[in-house]
Full PDB file with SEQRES, HELIX, SHEET, SSBOND, CRYST1, ORIGX, SCALE, CONECT and MASTER records, all heavy atoms in Angstrom:
SEQRES   1 A   37  LYS LYS PRO GLN ILE ASP PHE ARG CYS GLY VAL ASN SER          
SEQRES   2 A   37  GLY ASN VAL ILE VAL GLY ASN MET GLY SER GLU ASN ARG          
SEQRES   3 A   37  PHE ASP TYR THR VAL MET GLY ASP THR VAL ASN                  
SHEET    1 AA1 2 ILE A  17  GLY A  22  0                                        
SHEET    2 AA1 2 PHE A  27  MET A  32 -1                                        
CRYST1    1.000    1.000    1.000  90.00  90.00  90.00 P 1           1          
ORIGX1      1.000000  0.000000  0.000000        0.00000                         
ORIGX2      0.000000  1.000000  0.000000        0.00000                         
ORIGX3      0.000000  0.000000  1.000000        0.00000                         
SCALE1      1.000000  0.000000  0.000000        0.00000                         
SCALE2      0.000000  1.000000  0.000000        0.00000                         
SCALE3      0.000000  0.000000  1.000000        0.00000                         
ATOM      1  N   LYS A   1      17.879 -25.466  24.362  1.00  0.00           N  
ATOM      2  CA  LYS A   1      17.811 -26.659  23.466  1.00  0.00           C  
ATOM      3  C   LYS A   1      16.985 -26.431  22.245  1.00  0.00           C  
ATOM      4  O   LYS A   1      15.913 -25.791  22.406  1.00  0.00           O  
ATOM      5  CB  LYS A   1      17.317 -27.990  24.234  1.00  0.00           C  
ATOM      6  CG  LYS A   1      17.249 -29.255  23.374  1.00  0.00           C  
ATOM      7  CD  LYS A   1      16.776 -30.308  24.267  1.00  0.00           C  
ATOM      8  CE  LYS A   1      16.734 -31.693  23.430  1.00  0.00           C  
ATOM      9  NZ  LYS A   1      17.922 -32.001  22.680  1.00  0.00           N  
ATOM     10  N   LYS A   2      17.288 -27.047  21.061  1.00  0.00           N  
ATOM     11  CA  LYS A   2      16.564 -26.636  19.999  1.00  0.00           C  
ATOM     12  C   LYS A   2      15.088 -27.464  20.032  1.00  0.00           C  
ATOM     13  O   LYS A   2      15.095 -28.594  20.332  1.00  0.00           O  
ATOM     14  CB  LYS A   2      17.151 -27.260  18.622  1.00  0.00           C  
ATOM     15  CG  LYS A   2      18.374 -26.434  18.233  1.00  0.00           C  
ATOM     16  CD  LYS A   2      18.972 -26.965  16.890  1.00  0.00           C  
ATOM     17  CE  LYS A   2      20.226 -26.103  16.525  1.00  0.00           C  
ATOM     18  NZ  LYS A   2      20.955 -26.544  15.314  1.00  0.00           N  
ATOM     19  N   PRO A   3      14.027 -26.645  19.895  1.00  0.00           N  
ATOM     20  CA  PRO A   3      12.768 -27.330  19.977  1.00  0.00           C  
ATOM     21  C   PRO A   3      12.236 -28.064  18.818  1.00  0.00           C  
ATOM     22  O   PRO A   3      12.925 -27.949  17.648  1.00  0.00           O  
ATOM     23  CB  PRO A   3      11.835 -26.020  20.090  1.00  0.00           C  
ATOM     24  CG  PRO A   3      12.585 -25.015  19.304  1.00  0.00           C  
ATOM     25  CD  PRO A   3      13.895 -25.233  19.505  1.00  0.00           C  
ATOM     26  N   GLN A   4      11.277 -28.958  18.953  1.00  0.00           N  
ATOM     27  CA  GLN A   4      10.799 -29.702  17.932  1.00  0.00           C  
ATOM     28  C   GLN A   4       9.576 -28.828  17.199  1.00  0.00           C  
ATOM     29  O   GLN A   4       8.737 -28.225  18.071  1.00  0.00           O  
ATOM     30  CB  GLN A   4      10.198 -31.045  18.257  1.00  0.00           C  
ATOM     31  CG  GLN A   4      11.310 -32.022  18.971  1.00  0.00           C  
ATOM     32  CD  GLN A   4      12.223 -32.422  17.854  1.00  0.00           C  
ATOM     33  OE1 GLN A   4      11.950 -33.275  17.051  1.00  0.00           O  
ATOM     34  NE2 GLN A   4      13.486 -31.992  17.964  1.00  0.00           N  
ATOM     35  N   ILE A   5       9.576 -28.629  15.944  1.00  0.00           N  
ATOM     36  CA  ILE A   5       8.563 -27.807  15.299  1.00  0.00           C  
ATOM     37  C   ILE A   5       7.714 -28.576  14.298  1.00  0.00           C  
ATOM     38  O   ILE A   5       8.038 -29.712  13.964  1.00  0.00           O  
ATOM     39  CB  ILE A   5       9.241 -26.627  14.689  1.00  0.00           C  
ATOM     40  CG1 ILE A   5      10.126 -27.020  13.447  1.00  0.00           C  
ATOM     41  CG2 ILE A   5      10.009 -25.740  15.674  1.00  0.00           C  
ATOM     42  CD1 ILE A   5      10.671 -25.938  12.696  1.00  0.00           C  
ATOM     43  N   ASP A   6       6.663 -27.921  13.906  1.00  0.00           N  
ATOM     44  CA  ASP A   6       5.795 -28.480  12.877  1.00  0.00           C  
ATOM     45  C   ASP A   6       5.269 -27.227  12.083  1.00  0.00           C  
ATOM     46  O   ASP A   6       5.254 -26.124  12.531  1.00  0.00           O  
ATOM     47  CB  ASP A   6       4.625 -29.235  13.530  1.00  0.00           C  
ATOM     48  CG  ASP A   6       3.954 -30.163  12.500  1.00  0.00           C  
ATOM     49  OD1 ASP A   6       4.440 -30.216  11.369  1.00  0.00           O  
ATOM     50  OD2 ASP A   6       3.018 -30.951  12.995  1.00  0.00           O  
ATOM     51  N   PHE A   7       4.822 -27.539  10.861  1.00  0.00           N  
ATOM     52  CA  PHE A   7       4.327 -26.486  10.065  1.00  0.00           C  
ATOM     53  C   PHE A   7       2.983 -26.851   9.365  1.00  0.00           C  
ATOM     54  O   PHE A   7       2.774 -28.072   9.078  1.00  0.00           O  
ATOM     55  CB  PHE A   7       5.422 -25.862   9.185  1.00  0.00           C  
ATOM     56  CG  PHE A   7       5.740 -26.832   7.931  1.00  0.00           C  
ATOM     57  CD1 PHE A   7       4.821 -26.791   6.838  1.00  0.00           C  
ATOM     58  CD2 PHE A   7       6.837 -27.614   7.993  1.00  0.00           C  
ATOM     59  CE1 PHE A   7       5.283 -27.682   5.721  1.00  0.00           C  
ATOM     60  CE2 PHE A   7       7.168 -28.356   6.977  1.00  0.00           C  
ATOM     61  CZ  PHE A   7       6.326 -28.463   5.731  1.00  0.00           C  
ATOM     62  N   ARG A   8       2.239 -25.905   8.985  1.00  0.00           N  
ATOM     63  CA  ARG A   8       0.968 -26.053   8.086  1.00  0.00           C  
ATOM     64  C   ARG A   8       1.376 -25.436   6.721  1.00  0.00           C  
ATOM     65  O   ARG A   8       2.095 -24.648   6.587  1.00  0.00           O  
ATOM     66  CB  ARG A   8      -0.166 -25.424   8.691  1.00  0.00           C  
ATOM     67  CG  ARG A   8      -0.517 -25.975  10.079  1.00  0.00           C  
ATOM     68  CD  ARG A   8      -1.714 -25.240  10.717  1.00  0.00           C  
ATOM     69  NE  ARG A   8      -1.274 -23.927  10.937  1.00  0.00           N  
ATOM     70  CZ  ARG A   8      -0.985 -23.434  12.214  1.00  0.00           C  
ATOM     71  NH1 ARG A   8      -1.012 -24.280  13.110  1.00  0.00           N  
ATOM     72  NH2 ARG A   8      -0.613 -22.161  12.469  1.00  0.00           N  
ATOM     73  N   CYS A   9       0.684 -26.112   5.597  1.00  0.00           N  
ATOM     74  CA  CYS A   9       0.862 -25.635   4.341  1.00  0.00           C  
ATOM     75  C   CYS A   9      -0.403 -25.527   3.513  1.00  0.00           C  
ATOM     76  O   CYS A   9      -1.342 -26.234   3.670  1.00  0.00           O  
ATOM     77  CB  CYS A   9       1.849 -26.666   3.637  1.00  0.00           C  
ATOM     78  SG  CYS A   9       2.289 -26.213   1.970  1.00  0.00           S  
ATOM     79  N   GLY A  10      -0.548 -24.425   2.769  1.00  0.00           N  
ATOM     80  CA  GLY A  10      -1.645 -24.261   1.774  1.00  0.00           C  
ATOM     81  C   GLY A  10      -1.220 -23.944   0.328  1.00  0.00           C  
ATOM     82  O   GLY A  10      -0.160 -23.364   0.081  1.00  0.00           O  
ATOM     83  N   VAL A  11      -1.876 -24.801  -0.492  1.00  0.00           N  
ATOM     84  CA  VAL A  11      -1.483 -24.686  -1.925  1.00  0.00           C  
ATOM     85  C   VAL A  11      -2.740 -24.405  -2.824  1.00  0.00           C  
ATOM     86  O   VAL A  11      -3.817 -24.851  -2.475  1.00  0.00           O  
ATOM     87  CB  VAL A  11      -0.878 -26.068  -2.424  1.00  0.00           C  
ATOM     88  CG1 VAL A  11      -0.550 -25.912  -4.070  1.00  0.00           C  
ATOM     89  CG2 VAL A  11       0.218 -26.384  -1.500  1.00  0.00           C  
ATOM     90  N   ASN A  12      -2.449 -23.376  -3.714  1.00  0.00           N  
ATOM     91  CA  ASN A  12      -3.558 -23.032  -4.666  1.00  0.00           C  
ATOM     92  C   ASN A  12      -3.074 -22.689  -5.939  1.00  0.00           C  
ATOM     93  O   ASN A  12      -1.853 -22.262  -6.083  1.00  0.00           O  
ATOM     94  CB  ASN A  12      -4.407 -21.801  -4.047  1.00  0.00           C  
ATOM     95  CG  ASN A  12      -5.709 -21.478  -4.955  1.00  0.00           C  
ATOM     96  OD1 ASN A  12      -6.241 -22.345  -5.496  1.00  0.00           O  
ATOM     97  ND2 ASN A  12      -5.882 -20.030  -5.030  1.00  0.00           N  
ATOM     98  N   SER A  13      -3.793 -23.057  -7.086  1.00  0.00           N  
ATOM     99  CA  SER A  13      -3.401 -22.817  -8.420  1.00  0.00           C  
ATOM    100  C   SER A  13      -4.510 -21.855  -9.199  1.00  0.00           C  
ATOM    101  O   SER A  13      -5.613 -22.031  -9.049  1.00  0.00           O  
ATOM    102  CB  SER A  13      -3.340 -24.161  -9.159  1.00  0.00           C  
ATOM    103  OG  SER A  13      -2.458 -24.938  -8.470  1.00  0.00           O  
ATOM    104  N   GLY A  14      -3.868 -20.873  -9.976  1.00  0.00           N  
ATOM    105  CA  GLY A  14      -4.783 -19.990 -10.718  1.00  0.00           C  
ATOM    106  C   GLY A  14      -3.994 -18.858 -11.374  1.00  0.00           C  
ATOM    107  O   GLY A  14      -2.809 -18.930 -11.310  1.00  0.00           O  
ATOM    108  N   ASN A  15      -4.689 -17.933 -11.938  1.00  0.00           N  
ATOM    109  CA  ASN A  15      -4.102 -16.693 -12.533  1.00  0.00           C  
ATOM    110  C   ASN A  15      -3.677 -15.826 -11.524  1.00  0.00           C  
ATOM    111  O   ASN A  15      -4.342 -15.471 -10.414  1.00  0.00           O  
ATOM    112  CB  ASN A  15      -5.054 -16.111 -13.531  1.00  0.00           C  
ATOM    113  CG  ASN A  15      -5.307 -17.012 -14.683  1.00  0.00           C  
ATOM    114  OD1 ASN A  15      -4.413 -17.633 -15.260  1.00  0.00           O  
ATOM    115  ND2 ASN A  15      -6.517 -17.063 -15.282  1.00  0.00           N  
ATOM    116  N   VAL A  16      -2.487 -15.154 -11.766  1.00  0.00           N  
ATOM    117  CA  VAL A  16      -1.957 -14.108 -10.887  1.00  0.00           C  
ATOM    118  C   VAL A  16      -1.206 -13.155 -11.728  1.00  0.00           C  
ATOM    119  O   VAL A  16      -1.134 -13.412 -12.998  1.00  0.00           O  
ATOM    120  CB  VAL A  16      -0.814 -14.633  -9.914  1.00  0.00           C  
ATOM    121  CG1 VAL A  16      -1.509 -15.724  -9.007  1.00  0.00           C  
ATOM    122  CG2 VAL A  16       0.258 -15.297 -10.633  1.00  0.00           C  
ATOM    123  N   ILE A  17      -1.135 -11.999 -11.267  1.00  0.00           N  
ATOM    124  CA  ILE A  17      -0.082 -10.989 -11.786  1.00  0.00           C  
ATOM    125  C   ILE A  17       1.244 -11.184 -11.251  1.00  0.00           C  
ATOM    126  O   ILE A  17       1.407 -11.122 -10.016  1.00  0.00           O  
ATOM    127  CB  ILE A  17      -0.604  -9.588 -11.646  1.00  0.00           C  
ATOM    128  CG1 ILE A  17      -1.953  -9.375 -12.165  1.00  0.00           C  
ATOM    129  CG2 ILE A  17       0.435  -8.497 -12.119  1.00  0.00           C  
ATOM    130  CD1 ILE A  17      -2.036  -9.543 -13.688  1.00  0.00           C  
ATOM    131  N   VAL A  18       2.245 -11.462 -12.169  1.00  0.00           N  
ATOM    132  CA  VAL A  18       3.597 -11.816 -11.747  1.00  0.00           C  
ATOM    133  C   VAL A  18       4.456 -10.706 -12.310  1.00  0.00           C  
ATOM    134  O   VAL A  18       4.403 -10.472 -13.531  1.00  0.00           O  
ATOM    135  CB  VAL A  18       4.008 -13.169 -11.972  1.00  0.00           C  
ATOM    136  CG1 VAL A  18       3.885 -13.574 -13.574  1.00  0.00           C  
ATOM    137  CG2 VAL A  18       5.473 -13.480 -11.575  1.00  0.00           C  
ATOM    138  N   GLY A  19       5.438 -10.282 -11.561  1.00  0.00           N  
ATOM    139  CA  GLY A  19       6.391  -9.267 -12.053  1.00  0.00           C  
ATOM    140  C   GLY A  19       7.138  -8.581 -10.878  1.00  0.00           C  
ATOM    141  O   GLY A  19       6.997  -8.918  -9.808  1.00  0.00           O  
ATOM    142  N   ASN A  20       7.812  -7.398 -11.231  1.00  0.00           N  
ATOM    143  CA  ASN A  20       8.443  -6.580 -10.187  1.00  0.00           C  
ATOM    144  C   ASN A  20       7.452  -5.660  -9.587  1.00  0.00           C  
ATOM    145  O   ASN A  20       6.823  -4.828 -10.351  1.00  0.00           O  
ATOM    146  CB  ASN A  20       9.613  -5.831 -10.914  1.00  0.00           C  
ATOM    147  CG  ASN A  20      10.891  -6.786 -11.164  1.00  0.00           C  
ATOM    148  OD1 ASN A  20      10.979  -7.587 -10.176  1.00  0.00           O  
ATOM    149  ND2 ASN A  20      11.602  -6.285 -11.975  1.00  0.00           N  
ATOM    150  N   MET A  21       7.211  -5.725  -8.386  1.00  0.00           N  
ATOM    151  CA  MET A  21       6.182  -5.013  -7.633  1.00  0.00           C  
ATOM    152  C   MET A  21       6.878  -4.035  -6.561  1.00  0.00           C  
ATOM    153  O   MET A  21       7.780  -4.673  -5.913  1.00  0.00           O  
ATOM    154  CB  MET A  21       5.183  -5.890  -7.004  1.00  0.00           C  
ATOM    155  CG  MET A  21       4.536  -6.913  -7.903  1.00  0.00           C  
ATOM    156  SD  MET A  21       3.514  -6.281  -9.273  1.00  0.00           S  
ATOM    157  CE  MET A  21       2.963  -7.767 -10.077  1.00  0.00           C  
ATOM    158  N   GLY A  22       6.559  -2.885  -6.433  1.00  0.00           N  
ATOM    159  CA  GLY A  22       7.113  -2.084  -5.390  1.00  0.00           C  
ATOM    160  C   GLY A  22       7.237  -0.670  -5.839  1.00  0.00           C  
ATOM    161  O   GLY A  22       6.553  -0.229  -6.757  1.00  0.00           O  
ATOM    162  N   SER A  23       8.148   0.118  -5.341  1.00  0.00           N  
ATOM    163  CA  SER A  23       8.436   1.394  -5.711  1.00  0.00           C  
ATOM    164  C   SER A  23       9.607   1.500  -6.650  1.00  0.00           C  
ATOM    165  O   SER A  23      10.141   0.417  -7.080  1.00  0.00           O  
ATOM    166  CB  SER A  23       8.836   2.268  -4.440  1.00  0.00           C  
ATOM    167  OG  SER A  23      10.102   1.817  -3.959  1.00  0.00           O  
ATOM    168  N   GLU A  24       9.972   2.729  -7.287  1.00  0.00           N  
ATOM    169  CA  GLU A  24      10.892   2.848  -8.117  1.00  0.00           C  
ATOM    170  C   GLU A  24      12.350   2.533  -7.571  1.00  0.00           C  
ATOM    171  O   GLU A  24      13.211   2.111  -8.173  1.00  0.00           O  
ATOM    172  CB  GLU A  24      11.037   4.208  -8.575  1.00  0.00           C  
ATOM    173  CG  GLU A  24       9.771   4.711  -9.586  1.00  0.00           C  
ATOM    174  CD  GLU A  24       9.882   5.994  -9.960  1.00  0.00           C  
ATOM    175  OE1 GLU A  24      10.981   6.788  -9.697  1.00  0.00           O  
ATOM    176  OE2 GLU A  24       8.948   6.616 -10.708  1.00  0.00           O  
ATOM    177  N   ASN A  25      12.561   2.686  -6.213  1.00  0.00           N  
ATOM    178  CA  ASN A  25      13.828   2.482  -5.708  1.00  0.00           C  
ATOM    179  C   ASN A  25      13.953   1.134  -5.065  1.00  0.00           C  
ATOM    180  O   ASN A  25      14.953   0.606  -4.880  1.00  0.00           O  
ATOM    181  CB  ASN A  25      14.081   3.489  -4.668  1.00  0.00           C  
ATOM    182  CG  ASN A  25      14.117   4.969  -5.137  1.00  0.00           C  
ATOM    183  OD1 ASN A  25      14.613   5.102  -6.181  1.00  0.00           O  
ATOM    184  ND2 ASN A  25      13.610   5.860  -4.513  1.00  0.00           N  
ATOM    185  N   ARG A  26      12.823   0.464  -4.761  1.00  0.00           N  
ATOM    186  CA  ARG A  26      12.869  -0.894  -4.146  1.00  0.00           C  
ATOM    187  C   ARG A  26      11.597  -1.752  -4.611  1.00  0.00           C  
ATOM    188  O   ARG A  26      10.499  -1.266  -4.487  1.00  0.00           O  
ATOM    189  CB  ARG A  26      12.935  -0.727  -2.644  1.00  0.00           C  
ATOM    190  CG  ARG A  26      12.932  -2.071  -1.880  1.00  0.00           C  
ATOM    191  CD  ARG A  26      13.115  -1.966  -0.419  1.00  0.00           C  
ATOM    192  NE  ARG A  26      13.201  -3.327   0.312  1.00  0.00           N  
ATOM    193  CZ  ARG A  26      14.271  -4.114   0.420  1.00  0.00           C  
ATOM    194  NH1 ARG A  26      15.418  -3.696  -0.264  1.00  0.00           N  
ATOM    195  NH2 ARG A  26      14.258  -5.165   1.041  1.00  0.00           N  
ATOM    196  N   PHE A  27      11.957  -2.929  -5.023  1.00  0.00           N  
ATOM    197  CA  PHE A  27      10.902  -3.740  -5.637  1.00  0.00           C  
ATOM    198  C   PHE A  27      11.252  -5.284  -5.383  1.00  0.00           C  
ATOM    199  O   PHE A  27      12.373  -5.498  -5.214  1.00  0.00           O  
ATOM    200  CB  PHE A  27      10.483  -3.316  -7.060  1.00  0.00           C  
ATOM    201  CG  PHE A  27      11.523  -3.391  -8.004  1.00  0.00           C  
ATOM    202  CD1 PHE A  27      12.215  -4.572  -8.604  1.00  0.00           C  
ATOM    203  CD2 PHE A  27      12.297  -2.147  -8.273  1.00  0.00           C  
ATOM    204  CE1 PHE A  27      13.221  -4.579  -9.464  1.00  0.00           C  
ATOM    205  CE2 PHE A  27      13.181  -2.153  -9.305  1.00  0.00           C  
ATOM    206  CZ  PHE A  27      13.872  -3.454  -9.673  1.00  0.00           C  
ATOM    207  N   ASP A  28      10.345  -6.044  -5.438  1.00  0.00           N  
ATOM    208  CA  ASP A  28      10.441  -7.429  -5.481  1.00  0.00           C  
ATOM    209  C   ASP A  28       9.833  -8.173  -6.613  1.00  0.00           C  
ATOM    210  O   ASP A  28       8.872  -7.692  -7.068  1.00  0.00           O  
ATOM    211  CB  ASP A  28       9.928  -8.011  -4.212  1.00  0.00           C  
ATOM    212  CG  ASP A  28      10.732  -7.546  -2.916  1.00  0.00           C  
ATOM    213  OD1 ASP A  28      12.014  -7.687  -2.903  1.00  0.00           O  
ATOM    214  OD2 ASP A  28      10.120  -7.323  -1.940  1.00  0.00           O  
ATOM    215  N   TYR A  29      10.431  -9.329  -6.998  1.00  0.00           N  
ATOM    216  CA  TYR A  29       9.703 -10.257  -8.099  1.00  0.00           C  
ATOM    217  C   TYR A  29       8.635 -11.007  -7.307  1.00  0.00           C  
ATOM    218  O   TYR A  29       9.136 -11.878  -6.535  1.00  0.00           O  
ATOM    219  CB  TYR A  29      10.824 -10.944  -8.803  1.00  0.00           C  
ATOM    220  CG  TYR A  29      10.104 -11.741  -9.893  1.00  0.00           C  
ATOM    221  CD1 TYR A  29       9.800 -11.121 -11.184  1.00  0.00           C  
ATOM    222  CD2 TYR A  29       9.815 -13.034  -9.760  1.00  0.00           C  
ATOM    223  CE1 TYR A  29       9.252 -11.811 -12.161  1.00  0.00           C  
ATOM    224  CE2 TYR A  29       9.287 -13.889 -10.875  1.00  0.00           C  
ATOM    225  CZ  TYR A  29       9.026 -13.243 -11.956  1.00  0.00           C  
ATOM    226  OH  TYR A  29       8.475 -13.981 -13.012  1.00  0.00           O  
ATOM    227  N   THR A  30       7.411 -10.790  -7.414  1.00  0.00           N  
ATOM    228  CA  THR A  30       6.451 -11.421  -6.759  1.00  0.00           C  
ATOM    229  C   THR A  30       5.119 -11.647  -7.505  1.00  0.00           C  
ATOM    230  O   THR A  30       5.138 -11.409  -8.677  1.00  0.00           O  
ATOM    231  CB  THR A  30       6.111 -10.646  -5.532  1.00  0.00           C  
ATOM    232  OG1 THR A  30       5.216 -11.390  -4.542  1.00  0.00           O  
ATOM    233  CG2 THR A  30       5.417  -9.254  -5.789  1.00  0.00           C  
ATOM    234  N   VAL A  31       4.140 -12.323  -6.867  1.00  0.00           N  
ATOM    235  CA  VAL A  31       2.869 -12.594  -7.437  1.00  0.00           C  
ATOM    236  C   VAL A  31       1.854 -11.877  -6.685  1.00  0.00           C  
ATOM    237  O   VAL A  31       2.022 -11.832  -5.346  1.00  0.00           O  
ATOM    238  CB  VAL A  31       2.626 -14.068  -7.611  1.00  0.00           C  
ATOM    239  CG1 VAL A  31       3.479 -14.654  -8.670  1.00  0.00           C  
ATOM    240  CG2 VAL A  31       2.767 -14.830  -6.348  1.00  0.00           C  
ATOM    241  N   MET A  32       0.798 -11.493  -7.325  1.00  0.00           N  
ATOM    242  CA  MET A  32      -0.387 -10.806  -6.558  1.00  0.00           C  
ATOM    243  C   MET A  32      -1.684 -11.331  -7.218  1.00  0.00           C  
ATOM    244  O   MET A  32      -1.765 -11.615  -8.440  1.00  0.00           O  
ATOM    245  CB  MET A  32      -0.365  -9.255  -6.713  1.00  0.00           C  
ATOM    246  CG  MET A  32       0.917  -8.739  -6.086  1.00  0.00           C  
ATOM    247  SD  MET A  32       1.060  -6.889  -6.239  1.00  0.00           S  
ATOM    248  CE  MET A  32      -0.398  -6.400  -5.208  1.00  0.00           C  
ATOM    249  N   GLY A  33      -2.755 -11.335  -6.373  1.00  0.00           N  
ATOM    250  CA  GLY A  33      -3.978 -11.727  -6.846  1.00  0.00           C  
ATOM    251  C   GLY A  33      -4.741 -12.691  -5.861  1.00  0.00           C  
ATOM    252  O   GLY A  33      -4.335 -12.960  -4.818  1.00  0.00           O  
ATOM    253  N   ASP A  34      -5.995 -12.925  -6.267  1.00  0.00           N  
ATOM    254  CA  ASP A  34      -6.871 -13.704  -5.447  1.00  0.00           C  
ATOM    255  C   ASP A  34      -6.424 -15.031  -5.221  1.00  0.00           C  
ATOM    256  O   ASP A  34      -6.727 -15.660  -4.058  1.00  0.00           O  
ATOM    257  CB  ASP A  34      -8.231 -13.655  -6.087  1.00  0.00           C  
ATOM    258  CG  ASP A  34      -9.345 -14.287  -5.116  1.00  0.00           C  
ATOM    259  OD1 ASP A  34      -9.572 -13.685  -4.025  1.00  0.00           O  
ATOM    260  OD2 ASP A  34     -10.093 -15.274  -5.436  1.00  0.00           O  
ATOM    261  N   THR A  35      -5.616 -15.672  -6.207  1.00  0.00           N  
ATOM    262  CA  THR A  35      -5.137 -16.975  -6.069  1.00  0.00           C  
ATOM    263  C   THR A  35      -4.092 -16.971  -4.961  1.00  0.00           C  
ATOM    264  O   THR A  35      -4.060 -17.996  -4.041  1.00  0.00           O  
ATOM    265  CB  THR A  35      -4.368 -17.381  -7.281  1.00  0.00           C  
ATOM    266  OG1 THR A  35      -5.302 -17.466  -8.405  1.00  0.00           O  
ATOM    267  CG2 THR A  35      -3.582 -18.563  -7.171  1.00  0.00           C  
ATOM    268  N   VAL A  36      -3.414 -15.980  -4.772  1.00  0.00           N  
ATOM    269  CA  VAL A  36      -2.358 -15.930  -3.621  1.00  0.00           C  
ATOM    270  C   VAL A  36      -3.137 -15.718  -2.405  1.00  0.00           C  
ATOM    271  O   VAL A  36      -2.713 -16.507  -1.289  1.00  0.00           O  
ATOM    272  CB  VAL A  36      -1.407 -14.620  -3.714  1.00  0.00           C  
ATOM    273  CG1 VAL A  36      -0.457 -14.563  -2.680  1.00  0.00           C  
ATOM    274  CG2 VAL A  36      -0.798 -14.674  -5.226  1.00  0.00           C  
ATOM    275  N   ASN A  37      -4.167 -14.955  -2.174  1.00  0.00           N  
ATOM    276  CA  ASN A  37      -4.957 -14.893  -0.912  1.00  0.00           C  
ATOM    277  C   ASN A  37      -5.504 -16.050  -0.548  1.00  0.00           C  
ATOM    278  O   ASN A  37      -5.556 -16.469   0.758  1.00  0.00           O  
ATOM    279  CB  ASN A  37      -6.003 -13.703  -1.183  1.00  0.00           C  
ATOM    280  CG  ASN A  37      -5.390 -12.413  -1.478  1.00  0.00           C  
ATOM    281  OD1 ASN A  37      -4.306 -12.018  -1.130  1.00  0.00           O  
ATOM    282  ND2 ASN A  37      -6.286 -11.513  -2.151  1.00  0.00           N  
TER     283      ASN A  37                                                      
MASTER        0    0    0    0    2    0    0    6  282    1    0    3          
END                                                                             
């Protein structure tokens, strides 16, 4: 039977580095920085 679930959420705003991150063959559009952490 499908269980009942709950989730927690964290939100923060600030400067980040945003762009394509990864290797030459595989990368993602993402953000990095202390704001994310």
